[in-house]
Amino acid sequence: MGLAGGRTPVITGDMLYIVLRSRANGETVEQIQPDPIIPIGKRKGRNPSVVSIYRALAAYEAPRHTGRHRAGPRRACPAGRHRRGDPSP
């Protein structure tokens, strides 16, 4: 077991909920920015930056990697070339 490291996230789950709810109500990120307050860390008690809110929204809306291969099955070359062990024409 190793030590967990890294920065504490600026946007917590509760803050993300506030941001998502406000966005659903039609508010811009600039209008949302004064509402959430950072609960822990060096910037405790302050508001997150507009950039942090945009990053949190982008991370929330990004498709999650499921680990499954989405490409179809491998197909042989239509001309029958490029097989292993066969010399190239």
Protein backbone atom coordinates (compact mmCIF):
# COMPACT_ATOMS: atom_id res chain seq x y z
CA MET A 1 0.00 0.00 0.00
CA GLY A 2 1.33 3.37 -0.96
CA LEU A 3 0.47 6.83 0.09
CA ALA A 4 -2.30 8.67 -1.70
CA GLY A 5 -1.11 11.94 -3.12
CA GLY A 6 -2.20 14.80 -5.25
CA ARG A 7 -4.03 18.01 -4.86
CA THR A 8 -7.36 18.28 -3.13
CA PRO A 9 -10.04 19.02 -5.70
CA VAL A 10 -11.34 22.57 -5.70
CA ILE A 11 -14.82 21.52 -6.82
CA THR A 12 -16.29 18.95 -4.44
CA GLY A 13 -19.34 16.82 -5.11
CA ASP A 14 -21.65 19.22 -3.29
CA MET A 15 -20.26 22.17 -5.20
CA LEU A 16 -20.67 20.32 -8.49
CA TYR A 17 -24.32 19.72 -7.59
CA ILE A 18 -24.80 23.47 -7.06
CA VAL A 19 -23.09 24.25 -10.37
CA LEU A 20 -25.13 21.68 -12.31
CA ARG A 21 -28.39 22.84 -10.77
CA SER A 22 -27.60 26.48 -11.55
CA ARG A 23 -26.62 25.62 -15.14
CA ALA A 24 -29.90 23.75 -15.56
CA ASN A 25 -31.69 26.94 -14.46
CA GLY A 26 -29.96 28.83 -17.27
CA GLU A 27 -27.29 30.71 -15.31
CA THR A 28 -23.91 31.40 -16.87
CA VAL A 29 -20.68 30.26 -15.21
CA GLU A 30 -19.87 33.87 -14.36
CA GLN A 31 -23.20 34.15 -12.51
CA ILE A 32 -22.62 30.83 -10.71
CA GLN A 33 -19.05 31.61 -9.60
CA PRO A 34 -19.87 33.67 -6.45
CA ASP A 35 -22.21 30.99 -4.98
CA PRO A 36 -20.04 27.96 -4.10
CA ILE A 37 -17.41 28.30 -1.35
CA ILE A 38 -14.31 26.09 -1.17
CA PRO A 39 -14.58 24.02 2.06
CA ILE A 40 -10.97 22.82 2.49
CA GLY A 41 -7.42 23.54 1.42
CA LYS A 42 -5.36 26.63 0.88
CA ARG A 43 -8.25 28.59 -0.64
CA LYS A 44 -10.76 27.62 2.08
CA GLY A 45 -13.60 30.12 2.36
CA ARG A 46 -13.08 31.57 -1.11
CA ASN A 47 -14.99 31.06 -4.32
CA PRO A 48 -13.65 28.78 -7.07
CA SER A 49 -12.40 30.43 -10.23
CA VAL A 50 -14.45 30.47 -13.41
CA VAL A 51 -11.81 28.21 -15.00
CA SER A 52 -12.19 25.64 -12.20
CA ILE A 53 -15.94 25.56 -12.76
CA TYR A 54 -15.49 25.08 -16.52
CA ARG A 55 -13.01 22.25 -15.87
CA ALA A 56 -15.40 20.54 -13.47
CA LEU A 57 -18.24 20.79 -16.00
CA ALA A 58 -16.02 19.40 -18.75
CA ALA A 59 -14.92 16.50 -16.55
CA TYR A 60 -18.54 15.75 -15.62
CA GLU A 61 -19.74 15.82 -19.23
CA ALA A 62 -16.80 13.81 -20.63
CA PRO A 63 -17.64 10.22 -21.54
CA ARG A 64 -16.24 7.74 -19.09
CA HIS A 65 -13.90 5.01 -20.36
CA THR A 66 -15.53 1.64 -19.77
CA GLY A 67 -12.47 -0.44 -20.57
CA ARG A 68 -14.18 -2.28 -23.41
CA HIS A 69 -12.77 -2.30 -26.89
CA ARG A 70 -15.30 -0.61 -29.13
CA ALA A 71 -13.71 -1.33 -32.49
CA GLY A 72 -15.08 -4.19 -34.56
CA PRO A 73 -13.30 -7.48 -35.11
CA ARG A 74 -10.03 -7.47 -37.04
CA ARG A 75 -10.55 -8.24 -40.68
CA ALA A 76 -8.10 -9.78 -43.09
CA CYS A 77 -6.74 -7.63 -45.89
CA PRO A 78 -9.20 -7.88 -48.83
CA ALA A 79 -6.46 -8.89 -51.27
CA GLY A 80 -5.09 -11.51 -48.89
CA ARG A 81 -1.83 -9.64 -48.44
CA HIS A 82 -0.08 -8.63 -45.24
CA ARG A 83 -0.35 -12.00 -43.53
CA ARG A 84 2.24 -12.98 -40.99
CA GLY A 85 5.03 -15.05 -42.46
CA ASP A 86 4.12 -14.30 -46.08
CA PRO A 87 6.62 -12.17 -48.01
CA SER A 88 5.25 -8.87 -49.25
CA PRO A 89 4.53 -8.76 -53.01
